[in-house]
């Protein structure tokens, strides 16, 4: 994890320090790939590289220094691959599911039917983006949390699933809809609830968190 989105919110480009950190990791990956004589390498870039003013230059630099070709995914491609990855580890328990992926630069919502993506919505609610645009103290002050909550609610109100949900949920009943989260925020919350000291994905995948549990953890933090 190289925090590629550091400083992006203020400058709209990938910062030199983030490039250096990422290049060191990618050069290490390239050495491992070469050592094992890997024949096929598939590397992709997501939201920060897609939106950064110097995203293409960064990709060119990666290829020049490591030989690894990187393709930038569109938002819909990113969502489709995210969904495929999530459902390979977490079987969809109901016909319809809403999968959310909290990243550094954005959060994606994917409404599915029988593992097929029906609609994708992307919001700028990435954890790096939010922490840089709306920094909070430690411990956070009430007014800081209120400001953060207002911003998040504003962006979530623009996620338009309302027109689609009645077509996939009988009589608008949300009970057949599963909510599935992926990425570091969700898995960390699951680890906290299990009082986990050493990370074990086998007990994280398919772990259920109630709203009450999430509220308790939030208040504790």
C-alpha atoms as a PDB file:
ATOM      1  CA  UNK A   1       0.000   0.000   0.000  1.00  0.00           C
ATOM      2  CA  UNK A   2       1.828   3.080  -1.258  1.00  0.00           C
ATOM      3  CA  UNK A   3      -0.824   5.778  -0.669  1.00  0.00           C
ATOM      4  CA  UNK A   4      -0.821   6.735  -4.337  1.00  0.00           C
ATOM      5  CA  UNK A   5      -3.591   9.308  -3.787  1.00  0.00           C
ATOM      6  CA  UNK A   6      -1.576  11.405  -1.320  1.00  0.00           C
ATOM      7  CA  UNK A   7      -2.046  15.106  -2.153  1.00  0.00           C
ATOM      8  CA  UNK A   8      -4.304  14.379  -5.122  1.00  0.00           C
ATOM      9  CA  UNK A   9      -7.307  16.236  -3.680  1.00  0.00           C
ATOM     10  CA  UNK A  10      -5.372  19.515  -3.559  1.00  0.00           C
ATOM     11  CA  UNK A  11      -3.303  19.237  -6.731  1.00  0.00           C
ATOM     12  CA  UNK A  12      -5.098  16.880  -9.098  1.00  0.00           C
ATOM     13  CA  UNK A  13      -1.919  14.964  -9.868  1.00  0.00           C
ATOM     14  CA  UNK A  14       0.110  12.084  -8.460  1.00  0.00           C
ATOM     15  CA  UNK A  15       2.733  13.528  -6.142  1.00  0.00           C
ATOM     16  CA  UNK A  16       6.489  12.848  -6.569  1.00  0.00           C
ATOM     17  CA  UNK A  17       6.738  11.174  -3.145  1.00  0.00           C
ATOM     18  CA  UNK A  18       3.859   8.815  -4.034  1.00  0.00           C
ATOM     19  CA  UNK A  19       5.477   8.024  -7.389  1.00  0.00           C
ATOM     20  CA  UNK A  20       8.785   7.164  -5.711  1.00  0.00           C
ATOM     21  CA  UNK A  21       7.098   4.855  -3.176  1.00  0.00           C
ATOM     22  CA  UNK A  22       5.067   3.139  -5.885  1.00  0.00           C
ATOM     23  CA  UNK A  23       8.012   2.722  -8.247  1.00  0.00           C
ATOM     24  CA  UNK A  24      10.066   1.024  -5.528  1.00  0.00           C
ATOM     25  CA  UNK A  25       7.284  -1.508  -4.961  1.00  0.00           C
ATOM     26  CA  UNK A  26       6.701  -2.083  -8.686  1.00  0.00           C
ATOM     27  CA  UNK A  27      10.428  -2.555  -9.324  1.00  0.00           C
ATOM     28  CA  UNK A  28      10.418  -5.167  -6.550  1.00  0.00           C
ATOM     29  CA  UNK A  29       7.411  -6.866  -8.174  1.00  0.00           C
ATOM     30  CA  UNK A  30       9.245  -6.837 -11.512  1.00  0.00           C
ATOM     31  CA  UNK A  31      12.248  -8.618  -9.963  1.00  0.00           C
ATOM     32  CA  UNK A  32       9.956 -11.317  -8.522  1.00  0.00           C
ATOM     33  CA  UNK A  33       8.165 -11.689 -11.883  1.00  0.00           C
ATOM     34  CA  UNK A  34      11.503 -12.108 -13.641  1.00  0.00           C
ATOM     35  CA  UNK A  35      12.811 -14.571 -11.061  1.00  0.00           C
ATOM     36  CA  UNK A  36       9.807 -16.843 -11.571  1.00  0.00           C
ATOM     37  CA  UNK A  37       9.868 -16.386 -15.369  1.00  0.00           C
ATOM     38  CA  UNK A  38       6.232 -15.274 -15.467  1.00  0.00           C
ATOM     39  CA  UNK A  39       5.003 -15.260 -19.069  1.00  0.00           C
ATOM     40  CA  UNK A  40       1.795 -13.222 -18.745  1.00  0.00           C
ATOM     41  CA  UNK A  41       1.447 -10.094 -16.599  1.00  0.00           C
ATOM     42  CA  UNK A  42      -1.832  -8.181 -16.326  1.00  0.00           C
ATOM     43  CA  UNK A  43      -1.581  -4.829 -14.530  1.00  0.00           C
ATOM     44  CA  UNK A  44      -4.264  -2.158 -14.285  1.00  0.00           C
ATOM     45  CA  UNK A  45      -4.638   1.328 -12.844  1.00  0.00           C
ATOM     46  CA  UNK A  46      -7.800   2.692 -11.218  1.00  0.00           C
ATOM     47  CA  UNK A  47      -9.378   5.982 -10.137  1.00  0.00           C
ATOM     48  CA  UNK A  48      -6.389   8.117  -9.087  1.00  0.00           C
ATOM     49  CA  UNK A  49      -4.365   7.321 -12.217  1.00  0.00           C
ATOM     50  CA  UNK A  50      -7.493   7.657 -14.346  1.00  0.00           C
ATOM     51  CA  UNK A  51      -8.163  11.178 -13.064  1.00  0.00           C
ATOM     52  CA  UNK A  52      -4.628  12.481 -12.461  1.00  0.00           C
ATOM     53  CA  UNK A  53      -3.176  15.079 -14.830  1.00  0.00           C
ATOM     54  CA  UNK A  54       0.062  13.083 -14.930  1.00  0.00           C
ATOM     55  CA  UNK A  55      -1.576   9.631 -14.963  1.00  0.00           C
ATOM     56  CA  UNK A  56      -0.395   8.709 -18.481  1.00  0.00           C
ATOM     57  CA  UNK A  57       3.142   9.918 -17.727  1.00  0.00           C
ATOM     58  CA  UNK A  58       3.160   7.756 -14.594  1.00  0.00           C
ATOM     59  CA  UNK A  59       2.115   4.689 -16.597  1.00  0.00           C
ATOM     60  CA  UNK A  60       4.824   5.400 -19.186  1.00  0.00           C
ATOM     61  CA  UNK A  61       7.404   5.655 -16.379  1.00  0.00           C
ATOM     62  CA  UNK A  62       6.300   2.298 -14.959  1.00  0.00           C
ATOM     63  CA  UNK A  63       6.717   0.606 -18.330  1.00  0.00           C
ATOM     64  CA  UNK A  64      10.103   2.193 -18.946  1.00  0.00           C
ATOM     65  CA  UNK A  65      11.552   1.191 -15.558  1.00  0.00           C
ATOM     66  CA  UNK A  66       9.923  -2.208 -15.044  1.00  0.00           C
ATOM     67  CA  UNK A  67       8.712  -3.414 -18.429  1.00  0.00           C
ATOM     68  CA  UNK A  68       5.247  -3.910 -16.926  1.00  0.00           C
ATOM     69  CA  UNK A  69       2.468  -2.699 -19.257  1.00  0.00           C
ATOM     70  CA  UNK A  70      -0.334  -1.009 -17.314  1.00  0.00           C
ATOM     71  CA  UNK A  71      -3.823  -0.392 -18.657  1.00  0.00           C
ATOM     72  CA  UNK A  72      -6.086   2.231 -17.086  1.00  0.00           C
ATOM     73  CA  UNK A  73      -9.538   0.863 -16.329  1.00  0.00           C
ATOM     74  CA  UNK A  74     -12.721   2.798 -16.950  1.00  0.00           C
ATOM     75  CA  UNK A  75     -15.062   3.217 -13.997  1.00  0.00           C
ATOM     76  CA  UNK A  76     -17.403   0.508 -15.304  1.00  0.00           C
ATOM     77  CA  UNK A  77     -14.511  -1.925 -15.935  1.00  0.00           C
ATOM     78  CA  UNK A  78     -13.201  -1.303 -12.424  1.00  0.00           C
ATOM     79  CA  UNK A  79     -16.638  -2.023 -10.965  1.00  0.00           C
ATOM     80  CA  UNK A  80     -17.070  -5.206 -13.035  1.00  0.00           C
ATOM     81  CA  UNK A  81     -13.684  -6.598 -11.951  1.00  0.00           C
ATOM     82  CA  UNK A  82     -14.308  -5.559  -8.350  1.00  0.00           C
ATOM     83  CA  UNK A  83     -17.605  -7.437  -8.403  1.00  0.00           C
ATOM     84  CA  UNK A  84     -15.958 -10.517  -9.897  1.00  0.00           C
ATOM     85  CA  UNK A  85     -13.282 -10.453  -7.198  1.00  0.00           C
ATOM     86  CA  UNK A  86     -15.766  -9.935  -4.361  1.00  0.00           C
ATOM     87  CA  UNK A  87     -18.092 -12.724  -5.466  1.00  0.00           C
ATOM     88  CA  UNK A  88     -15.169 -15.143  -5.843  1.00  0.00           C
ATOM     89  CA  UNK A  89     -14.631 -14.845  -2.076  1.00  0.00           C
ATOM     90  CA  UNK A  90     -18.126 -13.994  -0.828  1.00  0.00           C
ATOM     91  CA  UNK A  91     -20.954 -15.969  -2.467  1.00  0.00           C
ATOM     92  CA  UNK A  92     -23.937 -13.722  -3.170  1.00  0.00           C
ATOM     93  CA  UNK A  93     -26.481 -14.855  -0.550  1.00  0.00           C
ATOM     94  CA  UNK A  94     -29.532 -13.375  -2.300  1.00  0.00           C
ATOM     95  CA  UNK A  95     -30.515 -12.789  -5.912  1.00  0.00           C
ATOM     96  CA  UNK A  96     -29.820  -9.067  -5.592  1.00  0.00           C
ATOM     97  CA  UNK A  97     -26.897  -7.435  -3.825  1.00  0.00           C
ATOM     98  CA  UNK A  98     -25.443  -3.981  -3.387  1.00  0.00           C
ATOM     99  CA  UNK A  99     -21.647  -4.187  -3.309  1.00  0.00           C
ATOM    100  CA  UNK A 100     -19.637  -1.195  -2.135  1.00  0.00           C
ATOM    101  CA  UNK A 101     -15.892  -0.734  -2.546  1.00  0.00           C
ATOM    102  CA  UNK A 102     -14.264   1.946  -0.379  1.00  0.00           C
ATOM    103  CA  UNK A 103     -10.993   3.051  -1.940  1.00  0.00           C
ATOM    104  CA  UNK A 104      -8.512   5.853  -1.453  1.00  0.00           C
ATOM    105  CA  UNK A 105      -9.874   8.181  -4.127  1.00  0.00           C
ATOM    106  CA  UNK A 106     -13.461   7.013  -4.515  1.00  0.00           C
ATOM    107  CA  UNK A 107     -16.171   4.625  -3.370  1.00  0.00           C
ATOM    108  CA  UNK A 108     -18.100   2.548  -5.906  1.00  0.00           C
ATOM    109  CA  UNK A 109     -21.584   1.086  -5.476  1.00  0.00           C
ATOM    110  CA  UNK A 110     -22.561  -1.868  -7.674  1.00  0.00           C
ATOM    111  CA  UNK A 111     -26.161  -3.075  -7.806  1.00  0.00           C
ATOM    112  CA  UNK A 112     -26.266  -6.698  -8.981  1.00  0.00           C
ATOM    113  CA  UNK A 113     -28.756  -9.325 -10.050  1.00  0.00           C
ATOM    114  CA  UNK A 114     -27.608 -12.956 -10.111  1.00  0.00           C
ATOM    115  CA  UNK A 115     -23.949 -11.781  -9.983  1.00  0.00           C
ATOM    116  CA  UNK A 116     -24.543  -9.518 -13.012  1.00  0.00           C
ATOM    117  CA  UNK A 117     -23.906  -5.779 -12.519  1.00  0.00           C
ATOM    118  CA  UNK A 118     -27.113  -3.812 -13.156  1.00  0.00           C
ATOM    119  CA  UNK A 119     -25.900  -0.341 -12.283  1.00  0.00           C
ATOM    120  CA  UNK A 120     -22.704   1.280 -11.067  1.00  0.00           C
ATOM    121  CA  UNK A 121     -22.370   4.558  -9.189  1.00  0.00           C
ATOM    122  CA  UNK A 122     -19.041   6.162  -8.267  1.00  0.00           C
ATOM    123  CA  UNK A 123     -18.595   8.841  -5.602  1.00  0.00           C
ATOM    124  CA  UNK A 124     -15.527  10.847  -4.502  1.00  0.00           C
ATOM    125  CA  UNK A 125     -15.817   9.350  -1.011  1.00  0.00           C
ATOM    126  CA  UNK A 126     -12.332   7.861  -0.900  1.00  0.00           C
ATOM    127  CA  UNK A 127     -10.625   7.700   2.484  1.00  0.00           C
ATOM    128  CA  UNK A 128      -7.484   9.547   1.345  1.00  0.00           C
ATOM    129  CA  UNK A 129      -9.551  12.183  -0.458  1.00  0.00           C
ATOM    130  CA  UNK A 130     -11.761  12.771   2.599  1.00  0.00           C
ATOM    131  CA  UNK A 131      -8.924  12.770   5.123  1.00  0.00           C
ATOM    132  CA  UNK A 132      -7.063  15.404   3.096  1.00  0.00           C
ATOM    133  CA  UNK A 133     -10.005  17.671   2.251  1.00  0.00           C
ATOM    134  CA  UNK A 134     -11.703  17.353   5.668  1.00  0.00           C
ATOM    135  CA  UNK A 135      -8.920  16.534   8.164  1.00  0.00           C
ATOM    136  CA  UNK A 136      -9.908  15.586  11.704  1.00  0.00           C
ATOM    137  CA  UNK A 137      -8.048  15.828  15.003  1.00  0.00           C
ATOM    138  CA  UNK A 138      -7.153  12.916  17.255  1.00  0.00           C
ATOM    139  CA  UNK A 139      -9.500  12.516  19.019  1.00  0.00           C
ATOM    140  CA  UNK A 140     -11.881  14.100  16.497  1.00  0.00           C
ATOM    141  CA  UNK A 141     -13.869  17.170  17.511  1.00  0.00           C
ATOM    142  CA  UNK A 142     -17.690  16.994  17.249  1.00  0.00           C
ATOM    143  CA  UNK A 143     -17.786  19.804  14.668  1.00  0.00           C
ATOM    144  CA  UNK A 144     -15.231  17.975  12.514  1.00  0.00           C
ATOM    145  CA  UNK A 145     -17.289  14.783  12.530  1.00  0.00           C
ATOM    146  CA  UNK A 146     -20.440  16.768  11.783  1.00  0.00           C
ATOM    147  CA  UNK A 147     -18.779  18.410   8.776  1.00  0.00           C
ATOM    148  CA  UNK A 148     -17.523  15.051   7.528  1.00  0.00           C
ATOM    149  CA  UNK A 149     -20.947  13.450   7.999  1.00  0.00           C
ATOM    150  CA  UNK A 150     -22.661  16.275   6.100  1.00  0.00           C
ATOM    151  CA  UNK A 151     -20.286  15.877   3.151  1.00  0.00           C
ATOM    152  CA  UNK A 152     -20.721  12.096   3.035  1.00  0.00           C
ATOM    153  CA  UNK A 153     -24.523  12.339   3.233  1.00  0.00           C
ATOM    154  CA  UNK A 154     -24.538  14.944   0.454  1.00  0.00           C
ATOM    155  CA  UNK A 155     -22.610  12.651  -1.918  1.00  0.00           C
ATOM    156  CA  UNK A 156     -24.633   9.583  -0.953  1.00  0.00           C
ATOM    157  CA  UNK A 157     -27.863  11.450  -1.707  1.00  0.00           C
ATOM    158  CA  UNK A 158     -26.665  11.687  -5.326  1.00  0.00           C
ATOM    159  CA  UNK A 159     -26.290   7.911  -5.665  1.00  0.00           C
ATOM    160  CA  UNK A 160     -29.355   7.204  -7.778  1.00  0.00           C
ATOM    161  CA  UNK A 161     -30.558   3.657  -7.222  1.00  0.00           C
ATOM    162  CA  UNK A 162     -34.101   4.733  -6.392  1.00  0.00           C
ATOM    163  CA  UNK A 163     -35.378   4.432  -9.970  1.00  0.00           C
ATOM    164  CA  UNK A 164     -33.884   0.963 -10.371  1.00  0.00           C
ATOM    165  CA  UNK A 165     -34.598  -0.647  -7.009  1.00  0.00           C
ATOM    166  CA  UNK A 166     -38.369  -1.151  -7.532  1.00  0.00           C
ATOM    167  CA  UNK A 167     -37.633  -3.233 -10.655  1.00  0.00           C
ATOM    168  CA  UNK A 168     -35.410  -5.671  -8.750  1.00  0.00           C
ATOM    169  CA  UNK A 169     -37.066  -5.588  -5.340  1.00  0.00           C
ATOM    170  CA  UNK A 170     -40.689  -6.796  -5.161  1.00  0.00           C
ATOM    171  CA  UNK A 171     -42.953  -4.015  -3.876  1.00  0.00           C
ATOM    172  CA  UNK A 172     -39.882  -2.014  -2.920  1.00  0.00           C
ATOM    173  CA  UNK A 173     -39.156  -4.456  -0.086  1.00  0.00           C
ATOM    174  CA  UNK A 174     -35.396  -4.231   0.728  1.00  0.00           C
ATOM    175  CA  UNK A 175     -35.289  -7.600   2.551  1.00  0.00           C
ATOM    176  CA  UNK A 176     -34.021  -9.639  -0.452  1.00  0.00           C
ATOM    177  CA  UNK A 177     -31.114  -7.233  -0.947  1.00  0.00           C
ATOM    178  CA  UNK A 178     -27.686  -8.135   0.498  1.00  0.00           C
ATOM    179  CA  UNK A 179     -25.194  -5.393   1.338  1.00  0.00           C
ATOM    180  CA  UNK A 180     -21.604  -6.549   0.739  1.00  0.00           C
ATOM    181  CA  UNK A 181     -18.542  -4.412   1.494  1.00  0.00           C
ATOM    182  CA  UNK A 182     -14.981  -4.827   0.309  1.00  0.00           C
ATOM    183  CA  UNK A 183     -11.551  -3.227   0.888  1.00  0.00           C
ATOM    184  CA  UNK A 184      -9.625  -2.101   3.949  1.00  0.00           C
ATOM    185  CA  UNK A 185     -12.247  -0.122   5.859  1.00  0.00           C
ATOM    186  CA  UNK A 186     -14.776  -2.954   5.919  1.00  0.00           C
ATOM    187  CA  UNK A 187     -12.253  -5.700   6.641  1.00  0.00           C
ATOM    188  CA  UNK A 188     -10.719  -3.631   9.454  1.00  0.00           C
ATOM    189  CA  UNK A 189     -14.140  -3.173  11.054  1.00  0.00           C
ATOM    190  CA  UNK A 190     -14.658  -6.942  10.880  1.00  0.00           C
ATOM    191  CA  UNK A 191     -11.241  -7.495  12.463  1.00  0.00           C
ATOM    192  CA  UNK A 192     -12.016  -5.029  15.278  1.00  0.00           C
ATOM    193  CA  UNK A 193     -15.315  -6.757  16.024  1.00  0.00           C
ATOM    194  CA  UNK A 194     -13.509 -10.124  16.233  1.00  0.00           C
ATOM    195  CA  UNK A 195     -10.742  -8.644  18.440  1.00  0.00           C
ATOM    196  CA  UNK A 196      -8.320 -10.005  15.855  1.00  0.00           C
ATOM    197  CA  UNK A 197      -4.608  -9.616  16.576  1.00  0.00           C
ATOM    198  CA  UNK A 198      -3.306 -11.434  13.483  1.00  0.00           C
ATOM    199  CA  UNK A 199      -5.179 -10.907  10.219  1.00  0.00           C
ATOM    200  CA  UNK A 200      -6.996 -13.994   8.962  1.00  0.00           C
ATOM    201  CA  UNK A 201      -8.990 -13.565   5.721  1.00  0.00           C
ATOM    202  CA  UNK A 202     -10.781 -16.855   6.297  1.00  0.00           C
ATOM    203  CA  UNK A 203     -12.686 -15.364   9.228  1.00  0.00           C
ATOM    204  CA  UNK A 204     -13.107 -11.971   7.529  1.00  0.00           C
ATOM    205  CA  UNK A 205     -14.771 -13.169   4.310  1.00  0.00           C
ATOM    206  CA  UNK A 206     -18.530 -13.692   4.809  1.00  0.00           C
ATOM    207  CA  UNK A 207     -18.395 -12.125   8.292  1.00  0.00           C
ATOM    208  CA  UNK A 208     -21.600 -10.274   9.146  1.00  0.00           C
ATOM    209  CA  UNK A 209     -21.637  -6.861  10.801  1.00  0.00           C
ATOM    210  CA  UNK A 210     -24.865  -5.396  12.158  1.00  0.00           C
ATOM    211  CA  UNK A 211     -25.687  -1.701  12.097  1.00  0.00           C
ATOM    212  CA  UNK A 212     -25.643  -1.714  15.910  1.00  0.00           C
ATOM    213  CA  UNK A 213     -22.120  -3.181  15.913  1.00  0.00           C
ATOM    214  CA  UNK A 214     -20.887  -0.529  13.472  1.00  0.00           C
ATOM    215  CA  UNK A 215     -22.364   2.265  15.599  1.00  0.00           C
ATOM    216  CA  UNK A 216     -20.669   0.826  18.697  1.00  0.00           C
ATOM    217  CA  UNK A 217     -17.278   0.637  16.971  1.00  0.00           C
ATOM    218  CA  UNK A 218     -17.699   4.183  15.620  1.00  0.00           C
ATOM    219  CA  UNK A 219     -18.452   5.536  19.090  1.00  0.00           C
ATOM    220  CA  UNK A 220     -15.489   3.630  20.540  1.00  0.00           C
ATOM    221  CA  UNK A 221     -13.099   5.027  17.913  1.00  0.00           C
END
